C-alpha atoms as a PDB file:
ATOM      1  CA  MET A   1     -18.554 -17.110 -11.506  1.00  0.00           C
ATOM      2  CA  ALA A   2     -15.435 -18.980 -10.113  1.00  0.00           C
ATOM      3  CA  TYR A   3     -12.622 -16.616 -11.323  1.00  0.00           C
ATOM      4  CA  LEU A   4      -9.729 -18.492  -9.254  1.00  0.00           C
ATOM      5  CA  GLU A   5      -8.827 -21.953  -8.994  1.00  0.00           C
ATOM      6  CA  GLU A   6      -7.508 -23.493  -5.689  1.00  0.00           C
ATOM      7  CA  SER A   7      -3.411 -22.864  -6.451  1.00  0.00           C
ATOM      8  CA  GLU A   8      -4.195 -18.815  -7.294  1.00  0.00           C
ATOM      9  CA  TRP A   9      -6.394 -18.461  -3.971  1.00  0.00           C
ATOM     10  CA  MET A  10      -3.180 -19.596  -2.116  1.00  0.00           C
ATOM     11  CA  LEU A  11      -0.882 -17.256  -3.981  1.00  0.00           C
ATOM     12  CA  LEU A  12      -3.564 -14.458  -3.524  1.00  0.00           C
ATOM     13  CA  ASN A  13      -3.269 -15.403   0.361  1.00  0.00           C
ATOM     14  CA  GLU A  14       0.464 -15.445  -0.060  1.00  0.00           C
ATOM     15  CA  ILE A  15       0.452 -11.783  -1.551  1.00  0.00           C
ATOM     16  CA  ALA A  16      -1.791 -10.761   0.930  1.00  0.00           C
ATOM     17  CA  TYR A  17       0.172 -11.855   3.887  1.00  0.00           C
ATOM     18  CA  ASN A  18       2.867 -10.201   2.539  1.00  0.00           C
ATOM     19  CA  ILE A  19       1.553  -6.835   2.137  1.00  0.00           C
ATOM     20  CA  SER A  20       0.979  -6.609   5.985  1.00  0.00           C
ATOM     21  CA  PHE A  21       4.079  -8.605   7.096  1.00  0.00           C
ATOM     22  CA  ILE A  22       7.174  -7.289   4.531  1.00  0.00           C
ATOM     23  CA  TYR A  23       8.419  -4.529   7.425  1.00  0.00           C
ATOM     24  CA  SER A  24      10.417  -2.546   4.821  1.00  0.00           C
ATOM     25  CA  PHE A  25       7.943  -0.503   2.734  1.00  0.00           C
ATOM     26  CA  ASP A  26       9.961  -0.160  -0.325  1.00  0.00           C
ATOM     27  CA  GLU A  27      10.911  -3.971  -0.091  1.00  0.00           C
ATOM     28  CA  MET A  28       6.751  -4.991   0.222  1.00  0.00           C
ATOM     29  CA  GLN A  29       6.191  -2.810  -3.022  1.00  0.00           C
ATOM     30  CA  LYS A  30       9.155  -4.549  -5.244  1.00  0.00           C
ATOM     31  CA  SER A  31       7.978  -7.936  -3.764  1.00  0.00           C
ATOM     32  CA  ILE A  32       4.405  -7.491  -4.593  1.00  0.00           C
ATOM     33  CA  LEU A  33       4.884  -6.892  -7.500  1.00  0.00           C
ATOM     34  CA  ASP A  34       7.031  -9.137  -8.823  1.00  0.00           C
ATOM     35  CA  TRP A  35       4.180 -12.098  -6.848  1.00  0.00           C
ATOM     36  CA  LEU A  36       1.301 -10.391  -8.759  1.00  0.00           C
ATOM     37  CA  LYS A  37       3.329 -11.533 -11.800  1.00  0.00           C
ATOM     38  CA  LEU A  38       2.459 -15.288 -11.294  1.00  0.00           C
ATOM     39  CA  LEU A  39      -1.043 -14.181 -10.374  1.00  0.00           C
ATOM     40  CA  ILE A  40      -1.922 -11.655 -13.402  1.00  0.00           C
ATOM     41  CA  ASP A  41       0.536 -11.677 -16.560  1.00  0.00           C
ATOM     42  CA  TYR A  42       1.752  -8.451 -17.388  1.00  0.00           C
ATOM     43  CA  ASP A  43       4.227  -6.497 -19.225  1.00  0.00           C
ATOM     44  CA  GLY A  44       5.363  -3.705 -16.878  1.00  0.00           C
ATOM     45  CA  ALA A  45       3.578  -2.583 -13.684  1.00  0.00           C
ATOM     46  CA  ALA A  46       3.623   0.710 -11.803  1.00  0.00           C
ATOM     47  CA  PHE A  47       2.839   1.041  -8.315  1.00  0.00           C
ATOM     48  CA  ALA A  48       2.837   4.567  -6.082  1.00  0.00           C
ATOM     49  CA  LEU A  49       1.565   5.933  -2.943  1.00  0.00           C
ATOM     50  CA  ILE A  50      -0.262   9.106  -3.272  1.00  0.00           C
ATOM     51  CA  LYS A  51      -1.082  12.577  -1.467  1.00  0.00           C
ATOM     52  CA  LYS A  52      -2.592  15.559  -1.098  1.00  0.00           C
ATOM     53  CA  ASP A  53      -0.887  18.837  -2.414  1.00  0.00           C
ATOM     54  CA  GLU A  54      -3.677  21.847  -2.186  1.00  0.00           C
ATOM     55  CA  ASP A  55      -6.415  20.710  -4.286  1.00  0.00           C
ATOM     56  CA  LYS A  56      -3.881  18.043  -6.691  1.00  0.00           C
ATOM     57  CA  ASN A  57      -2.849  14.037  -5.805  1.00  0.00           C
ATOM     58  CA  LEU A  58       0.860  14.023  -6.009  1.00  0.00           C
ATOM     59  CA  LEU A  59       1.821   9.915  -6.813  1.00  0.00           C
ATOM     60  CA  TYR A  60       5.527   9.584  -4.584  1.00  0.00           C
ATOM     61  CA  ASN A  61       7.437   7.038  -3.853  1.00  0.00           C
ATOM     62  CA  SER A  62       7.046   4.696  -6.973  1.00  0.00           C
ATOM     63  CA  VAL A  63       8.267   1.111  -7.886  1.00  0.00           C
ATOM     64  CA  GLY A  64       8.227  -0.403 -10.603  1.00  0.00           C
ATOM     65  CA  ASN A  65       8.542  -3.617 -12.790  1.00  0.00           C
ATOM     66  CA  GLY A  66       9.328  -3.777 -16.155  1.00  0.00           C
ATOM     67  CA  ILE A  67       9.316  -0.323 -16.680  1.00  0.00           C
ATOM     68  CA  LYS A  68      12.753   2.010 -17.120  1.00  0.00           C
ATOM     69  CA  GLU A  69      13.566   4.350 -14.575  1.00  0.00           C
ATOM     70  CA  LYS A  70      13.126   7.479 -16.721  1.00  0.00           C
ATOM     71  CA  MET A  71       9.612   5.883 -17.826  1.00  0.00           C
ATOM     72  CA  LEU A  72       8.722   5.114 -14.353  1.00  0.00           C
ATOM     73  CA  LYS A  73       9.767   8.866 -12.779  1.00  0.00           C
ATOM     74  CA  LYS A  74       7.371  10.464 -16.386  1.00  0.00           C
ATOM     75  CA  TRP A  75       4.426   7.858 -15.275  1.00  0.00           C
ATOM     76  CA  GLN A  76       4.760   9.170 -11.570  1.00  0.00           C
ATOM     77  CA  GLU A  77       5.207  12.982 -12.434  1.00  0.00           C
ATOM     78  CA  GLN A  78       2.127  12.852 -15.146  1.00  0.00           C
ATOM     79  CA  THR A  79      -0.139  10.363 -13.802  1.00  0.00           C
ATOM     80  CA  ALA A  80      -2.660  12.094 -11.448  1.00  0.00           C
ATOM     81  CA  GLU A  81      -2.836  15.154 -14.431  1.00  0.00           C
ATOM     82  CA  LEU A  82      -3.146  13.255 -17.328  1.00  0.00           C
ATOM     83  CA  ASP A  83      -4.206  10.153 -17.220  1.00  0.00           C
ATOM     84  CA  ASN A  84      -7.218   9.068 -18.489  1.00  0.00           C
ATOM     85  CA  THR A  85      -8.503   7.373 -15.682  1.00  0.00           C
ATOM     86  CA  ARG A  86      -7.213  10.464 -13.113  1.00  0.00           C
ATOM     87  CA  TRP A  87     -11.169  10.940 -11.989  1.00  0.00           C
ATOM     88  CA  ILE A  88     -11.136   7.424 -10.250  1.00  0.00           C
ATOM     89  CA  ILE A  89      -8.693   8.787  -8.038  1.00  0.00           C
ATOM     90  CA  TYR A  90      -9.957  12.595  -7.928  1.00  0.00           C
ATOM     91  CA  SER A  91     -13.466  10.541  -6.954  1.00  0.00           C
ATOM     92  CA  ALA A  92     -11.927   8.020  -3.928  1.00  0.00           C
ATOM     93  CA  ARG A  93     -13.648   5.454  -6.098  1.00  0.00           C
ATOM     94  CA  ASN A  94     -12.290   2.393  -4.191  1.00  0.00           C
ATOM     95  CA  THR A  95     -11.791  -0.154  -7.237  1.00  0.00           C
ATOM     96  CA  ALA A  96     -10.057  -2.370  -9.668  1.00  0.00           C
ATOM     97  CA  PHE A  97     -10.587  -0.767 -13.213  1.00  0.00           C
ATOM     98  CA  ARG A  98      -9.838  -1.721 -16.893  1.00  0.00           C
ATOM     99  CA  GLU A  99      -9.109   1.480 -18.819  1.00  0.00           C
ATOM    100  CA  SER A 100     -10.663  -0.303 -22.178  1.00  0.00           C
ATOM    101  CA  ASP A 101     -13.923  -0.523 -20.391  1.00  0.00           C
ATOM    102  CA  LEU A 102     -13.728   3.425 -19.544  1.00  0.00           C
ATOM    103  CA  ILE A 103     -12.189   5.477 -22.033  1.00  0.00           C
ATOM    104  CA  SER A 104     -12.596   4.490 -26.111  1.00  0.00           C
ATOM    105  CA  PRO A 105      -9.576   4.008 -28.113  1.00  0.00           C
ATOM    106  CA  ASP A 106      -9.375   6.585 -30.139  1.00  0.00           C
ATOM    107  CA  LYS A 107      -9.364   9.082 -26.363  1.00  0.00           C
ATOM    108  CA  ARG A 108      -6.735   6.198 -24.766  1.00  0.00           C
ATOM    109  CA  THR A 109      -4.548   7.309 -27.656  1.00  0.00           C
ATOM    110  CA  ASP A 110      -4.689  10.802 -28.209  1.00  0.00           C
ATOM    111  CA  ASN A 111      -3.369  11.038 -24.861  1.00  0.00           C
ATOM    112  CA  LYS A 112       0.257  13.147 -24.267  1.00  0.00           C
ATOM    113  CA  LEU A 113       1.056  10.156 -21.218  1.00  0.00           C
ATOM    114  CA  TYR A 114       0.167   7.504 -24.091  1.00  0.00           C
ATOM    115  CA  LYS A 115       2.500   9.063 -26.736  1.00  0.00           C
ATOM    116  CA  GLU A 116       5.124  10.125 -24.108  1.00  0.00           C
ATOM    117  CA  PHE A 117       4.840   7.218 -21.739  1.00  0.00           C
ATOM    118  CA  TYR A 118       2.763   3.773 -23.302  1.00  0.00           C
ATOM    119  CA  LEU A 119       4.488   4.193 -26.706  1.00  0.00           C
ATOM    120  CA  PRO A 120       8.142   4.506 -25.738  1.00  0.00           C
ATOM    121  CA  SER A 121       7.600   1.293 -23.349  1.00  0.00           C
ATOM    122  CA  GLN A 122       5.267  -0.530 -26.183  1.00  0.00           C
ATOM    123  CA  PHE A 123       2.066  -0.832 -23.728  1.00  0.00           C
ATOM    124  CA  TYR A 124      -1.179  -0.671 -25.001  1.00  0.00           C
ATOM    125  CA  TYR A 125      -3.497  -2.010 -22.283  1.00  0.00           C
ATOM    126  CA  SER A 126      -3.949  -0.892 -18.491  1.00  0.00           C
ATOM    127  CA  ALA A 127      -5.625  -2.214 -15.386  1.00  0.00           C
ATOM    128  CA  GLY A 128      -5.687  -0.506 -12.046  1.00  0.00           C
ATOM    129  CA  LEU A 129      -6.463  -0.737  -8.301  1.00  0.00           C
ATOM    130  CA  CYS A 130      -7.284   2.856  -6.684  1.00  0.00           C
ATOM    131  CA  ILE A 131      -6.406   2.009  -3.213  1.00  0.00           C
ATOM    132  CA  VAL A 132      -8.692   4.330  -0.475  1.00  0.00           C
ATOM    133  CA  PHE A 133      -8.828   3.843   3.434  1.00  0.00           C
ATOM    134  CA  ARG A 134     -12.006   6.007   4.660  1.00  0.00           C
ATOM    135  CA  GLU A 135     -12.750   7.586   1.535  1.00  0.00           C
ATOM    136  CA  GLU A 136      -9.104   8.861   0.917  1.00  0.00           C
ATOM    137  CA  PRO A 137      -6.740   8.118  -1.469  1.00  0.00           C
ATOM    138  CA  VAL A 138      -3.567   6.868  -0.562  1.00  0.00           C
ATOM    139  CA  GLY A 139      -1.746   4.706  -3.398  1.00  0.00           C
ATOM    140  CA  LEU A 140      -1.950   3.614  -7.384  1.00  0.00           C
ATOM    141  CA  LEU A 141      -1.257  -0.227  -8.628  1.00  0.00           C
ATOM    142  CA  LYS A 142      -1.078   0.031 -12.712  1.00  0.00           C
ATOM    143  CA  LEU A 143      -0.490  -2.686 -14.855  1.00  0.00           C
ATOM    144  CA  PHE A 144       0.413  -2.499 -18.244  1.00  0.00           C
ATOM    145  CA  ARG A 145       0.275  -4.809 -21.373  1.00  0.00           C
ATOM    146  CA  SER A 146       1.490  -4.691 -25.115  1.00  0.00           C
ATOM    147  CA  ARG A 147      -1.375  -4.944 -27.710  1.00  0.00           C
ATOM    148  CA  GLY A 148       0.085  -8.174 -28.668  1.00  0.00           C
ATOM    149  CA  ALA A 149      -0.628  -9.569 -25.244  1.00  0.00           C
ATOM    150  CA  GLY A 150      -4.450  -8.648 -25.096  1.00  0.00           C
ATOM    151  CA  ASP A 151      -6.084  -6.845 -23.015  1.00  0.00           C
ATOM    152  CA  PHE A 152      -6.893  -7.405 -19.030  1.00  0.00           C
ATOM    153  CA  SER A 153      -9.792 -10.054 -18.099  1.00  0.00           C
ATOM    154  CA  ALA A 154     -12.848  -9.600 -15.678  1.00  0.00           C
ATOM    155  CA  ARG A 155     -10.700 -12.196 -13.874  1.00  0.00           C
ATOM    156  CA  ASP A 156      -7.460 -10.412 -13.636  1.00  0.00           C
ATOM    157  CA  LEU A 157      -9.994  -7.642 -11.854  1.00  0.00           C
ATOM    158  CA  PHE A 158     -11.366  -9.717  -9.230  1.00  0.00           C
ATOM    159  CA  ALA A 159      -7.766 -10.920  -8.450  1.00  0.00           C
ATOM    160  CA  LEU A 160      -6.933  -7.506  -7.638  1.00  0.00           C
ATOM    161  CA  ASP A 161      -9.993  -6.372  -5.966  1.00  0.00           C
ATOM    162  CA  GLN A 162      -9.128  -9.472  -3.139  1.00  0.00           C
ATOM    163  CA  LEU A 163      -6.117  -7.030  -2.224  1.00  0.00           C
ATOM    164  CA  GLN A 164      -7.524  -3.818  -2.008  1.00  0.00           C
ATOM    165  CA  LYS A 165      -7.879  -3.835   1.925  1.00  0.00           C
ATOM    166  CA  HIS A 166      -4.760  -5.401   2.867  1.00  0.00           C
ATOM    167  CA  PHE A 167      -3.367  -2.794   0.246  1.00  0.00           C
ATOM    168  CA  ALA A 168      -5.084   0.150   2.240  1.00  0.00           C
ATOM    169  CA  TYR A 169      -4.344  -0.620   5.851  1.00  0.00           C
ATOM    170  CA  ARG A 170      -0.653  -0.960   5.222  1.00  0.00           C
ATOM    171  CA  LEU A 171      -0.592   2.212   2.551  1.00  0.00           C
ATOM    172  CA  TYR A 172      -2.369   4.556   5.217  1.00  0.00           C
ATOM    173  CA  TYR A 173       0.246   3.259   8.093  1.00  0.00           C
ATOM    174  CA  GLU A 174       3.294   4.488   5.644  1.00  0.00           C
ATOM    175  CA  LYS A 175       1.301   7.810   4.640  1.00  0.00           C
ATOM    176  CA  THR A 176       0.475   8.637   8.405  1.00  0.00           C
ATOM    177  CA  LYS A 177       3.007   6.603  11.049  1.00  0.00           C
ATOM    178  CA  GLY A 178       4.843   9.172  13.497  1.00  0.00           C
ATOM    179  CA  ASP A 179       1.333  11.029  14.080  1.00  0.00           C
ATOM    180  CA  THR A 180      -0.109   8.756  16.932  1.00  0.00           C
ATOM    181  CA  ARG A 181      -3.675  10.754  16.832  1.00  0.00           C
ATOM    182  CA  TYR A 182      -4.242   8.296  13.453  1.00  0.00           C
ATOM    183  CA  PHE A 183      -3.339   5.186  16.053  1.00  0.00           C
ATOM    184  CA  PHE A 184      -5.567   5.504  18.932  1.00  0.00           C
ATOM    185  CA  ALA A 185      -7.822   7.969  20.274  1.00  0.00           C
ATOM    186  CA  LYS A 186      -8.101   9.000  23.860  1.00  0.00           C
ATOM    187  CA  GLY A 187      -6.889   6.635  26.252  1.00  0.00           C
ATOM    188  CA  TYR A 188      -6.290   3.822  23.896  1.00  0.00           C
ATOM    189  CA  HIS A 189      -2.320   3.655  24.653  1.00  0.00           C
ATOM    190  CA  GLU A 190      -3.462   3.195  28.351  1.00  0.00           C
ATOM    191  CA  LYS A 191      -5.923   0.400  27.117  1.00  0.00           C
ATOM    192  CA  ILE A 192      -3.292  -1.328  25.041  1.00  0.00           C
ATOM    193  CA  CYS A 193      -0.939  -1.547  27.542  1.00  0.00           C
ATOM    194  CA  LYS A 194      -3.347  -3.054  30.169  1.00  0.00           C
ATOM    195  CA  ARG A 195      -4.704  -5.487  27.590  1.00  0.00           C
ATOM    196  CA  TYR A 196      -1.152  -6.883  26.681  1.00  0.00           C
ATOM    197  CA  ASN A 197       0.403  -6.441  30.189  1.00  0.00           C
ATOM    198  CA  LEU A 198       3.268  -4.377  29.070  1.00  0.00           C
ATOM    199  CA  THR A 199       5.511  -3.101  31.761  1.00  0.00           C
ATOM    200  CA  GLU A 200       6.052   0.683  32.389  1.00  0.00           C
ATOM    201  CA  ARG A 201       9.717   0.776  30.075  1.00  0.00           C
ATOM    202  CA  GLU A 202       7.814  -1.695  27.136  1.00  0.00           C
ATOM    203  CA  SER A 203       4.673   1.088  26.979  1.00  0.00           C
ATOM    204  CA  GLU A 204       7.680   3.803  26.500  1.00  0.00           C
ATOM    205  CA  LEU A 205       9.093   1.210  23.579  1.00  0.00           C
ATOM    206  CA  PHE A 206       5.735   0.566  22.284  1.00  0.00           C
ATOM    207  CA  ASN A 207       4.842   4.704  22.410  1.00  0.00           C
ATOM    208  CA  TYR A 208       8.038   5.092  20.142  1.00  0.00           C
ATOM    209  CA  ALA A 209       7.343   2.549  17.505  1.00  0.00           C
ATOM    210  CA  ILE A 210       3.932   3.726  16.976  1.00  0.00           C
ATOM    211  CA  GLN A 211       5.704   7.582  16.147  1.00  0.00           C
ATOM    212  CA  GLY A 212       8.059   5.835  13.640  1.00  0.00           C
ATOM    213  CA  PHE A 213      11.004   5.686  15.427  1.00  0.00           C
ATOM    214  CA  THR A 214      14.039   3.421  14.241  1.00  0.00           C
ATOM    215  CA  ASN A 215      15.561   0.803  16.918  1.00  0.00           C
ATOM    216  CA  ILE A 216      18.375   3.264  16.833  1.00  0.00           C
ATOM    217  CA  GLU A 217      16.880   6.111  17.690  1.00  0.00           C
ATOM    218  CA  ILE A 218      14.952   4.817  20.584  1.00  0.00           C
ATOM    219  CA  SER A 219      18.310   3.505  22.047  1.00  0.00           C
ATOM    220  CA  GLU A 220      19.547   7.083  21.445  1.00  0.00           C
ATOM    221  CA  GLN A 221      16.553   8.586  22.814  1.00  0.00           C
ATOM    222  CA  MET A 222      16.188   6.077  26.113  1.00  0.00           C
ATOM    223  CA  ASN A 223      20.014   6.164  26.329  1.00  0.00           C
ATOM    224  CA  ILE A 224      19.803   1.858  26.311  1.00  0.00           C
ATOM    225  CA  SER A 225      21.772  -0.469  23.540  1.00  0.00           C
ATOM    226  CA  ILE A 226      20.243  -1.495  20.478  1.00  0.00           C
ATOM    227  CA  HIS A 227      20.350  -5.094  22.248  1.00  0.00           C
ATOM    228  CA  THR A 228      18.101  -3.764  25.043  1.00  0.00           C
ATOM    229  CA  VAL A 229      15.888  -2.537  22.544  1.00  0.00           C
ATOM    230  CA  LYS A 230      16.140  -5.431  20.772  1.00  0.00           C
ATOM    231  CA  LYS A 231      14.760  -7.579  24.016  1.00  0.00           C
ATOM    232  CA  HIS A 232      12.160  -5.267  24.911  1.00  0.00           C
ATOM    233  CA  PHE A 233      10.647  -5.505  21.530  1.00  0.00           C
ATOM    234  CA  HIS A 234      10.872  -9.412  21.882  1.00  0.00           C
ATOM    235  CA  SER A 235       9.050  -9.507  24.495  1.00  0.00           C
ATOM    236  CA  ILE A 236       6.230  -7.187  23.714  1.00  0.00           C
ATOM    237  CA  TYR A 237       5.714  -9.401  20.733  1.00  0.00           C
ATOM    238  CA  ASN A 238       5.166 -12.034  22.490  1.00  0.00           C
ATOM    239  CA  LYS A 239       2.859 -10.398  24.765  1.00  0.00           C
ATOM    240  CA  MET A 240       0.524  -9.128  21.378  1.00  0.00           C
ATOM    241  CA  HIS A 241       1.219 -12.559  19.941  1.00  0.00           C
ATOM    242  CA  VAL A 242       3.026 -10.947  16.640  1.00  0.00           C
ATOM    243  CA  LYS A 243       6.183 -10.969  15.105  1.00  0.00           C
ATOM    244  CA  ASN A 244       7.535  -7.622  13.958  1.00  0.00           C
ATOM    245  CA  ARG A 245       6.050  -4.198  13.713  1.00  0.00           C
ATOM    246  CA  VAL A 246       3.710  -4.293  11.347  1.00  0.00           C
ATOM    247  CA  GLN A 247       2.200  -6.930  12.802  1.00  0.00           C
ATOM    248  CA  LEU A 248       2.094  -4.784  16.038  1.00  0.00           C
ATOM    249  CA  LEU A 249       0.353  -1.859  14.264  1.00  0.00           C
ATOM    250  CA  GLN A 250      -1.897  -4.020  13.147  1.00  0.00           C
ATOM    251  CA  CYS A 251      -3.331  -4.975  16.605  1.00  0.00           C
ATOM    252  CA  MET A 252      -3.859  -0.772  17.252  1.00  0.00           C
ATOM    253  CA  PRO A 253      -7.525   0.549  16.578  1.00  0.00           C
ATOM    254  CA  LEU A 254      -7.002   1.831  13.313  1.00  0.00           C
ATOM    255  CA  SER A 255      -6.984  -1.977  11.979  1.00  0.00           C
ATOM    256  CA  THR A 256      -9.846  -3.222  13.799  1.00  0.00           C
ATOM    257  CA  SER A 257     -12.364  -0.277  12.670  1.00  0.00           C
ATOM    258  CA  LYS A 258     -12.441   0.451  16.606  1.00  0.00           C
ATOM    259  CA  ILE A 259     -11.128   3.610  16.566  1.00  0.00           C
ATOM    260  CA  ASN A 260     -13.397   7.009  17.056  1.00  0.00           C
ATOM    261  CA  PHE A 261     -12.231   9.712  14.614  1.00  0.00           C
ATOM    262  CA  ASP A 262     -14.287  11.762  16.187  1.00  0.00           C
ATOM    263  CA  GLU A 263     -12.576  11.578  18.962  1.00  0.00           C
ATOM    264  CA  LEU A 264      -9.399  12.462  17.146  1.00  0.00           C
END
């Protein structure tokens, strides 16, 4: 069944592009929720990263659309423990889902999160995307509708599911940036520098970028001006045929599935 029209596929491609290429992560989260509303109508949306704390999954870095800040905070604090579909996160299921397919109406409404978050926000239906990278939950996107707006459709879930891999790579990078073990195994730094013919100076900047250093921090570490840092990065981007750091990191083995995690 053709769920999406040609114009909707074009919109979906634009969303996927923005997931990868908007450099600021917070800006990316907010922008994607705005773009998604053009593809899937919703009354409210929440988007968060997931991290492990001992045996628990915790949500953090949440952004919302159509949700008051107080309610967004409540959603972030309670979802991993009270949401009826939280088992999807704990089982690391890489899937788009509709709550009404999984939980009966009585059980959905007889729930603390429903009473303290859904009702005050005037939400009734929800659909979600559990974002997983290599069997590790890294993010959760939830869309909400009022009872009068009707439930989410199979077409809506299909559209969400198309974005899963794009989200997974970006969120995993945000979660692990600063730890070079996640970006290259033995010899990969040298191989990449050789492949793109990076100079010794460019190689040094490249390594700082992988570790999550800002331009200002790099200038301080290398005792060079911001202008010089930007000049070096411009050269690196040209050699690697990218436009910014997010695209640069997608040239890494992580985003091409070539990294051997047994070597880390």
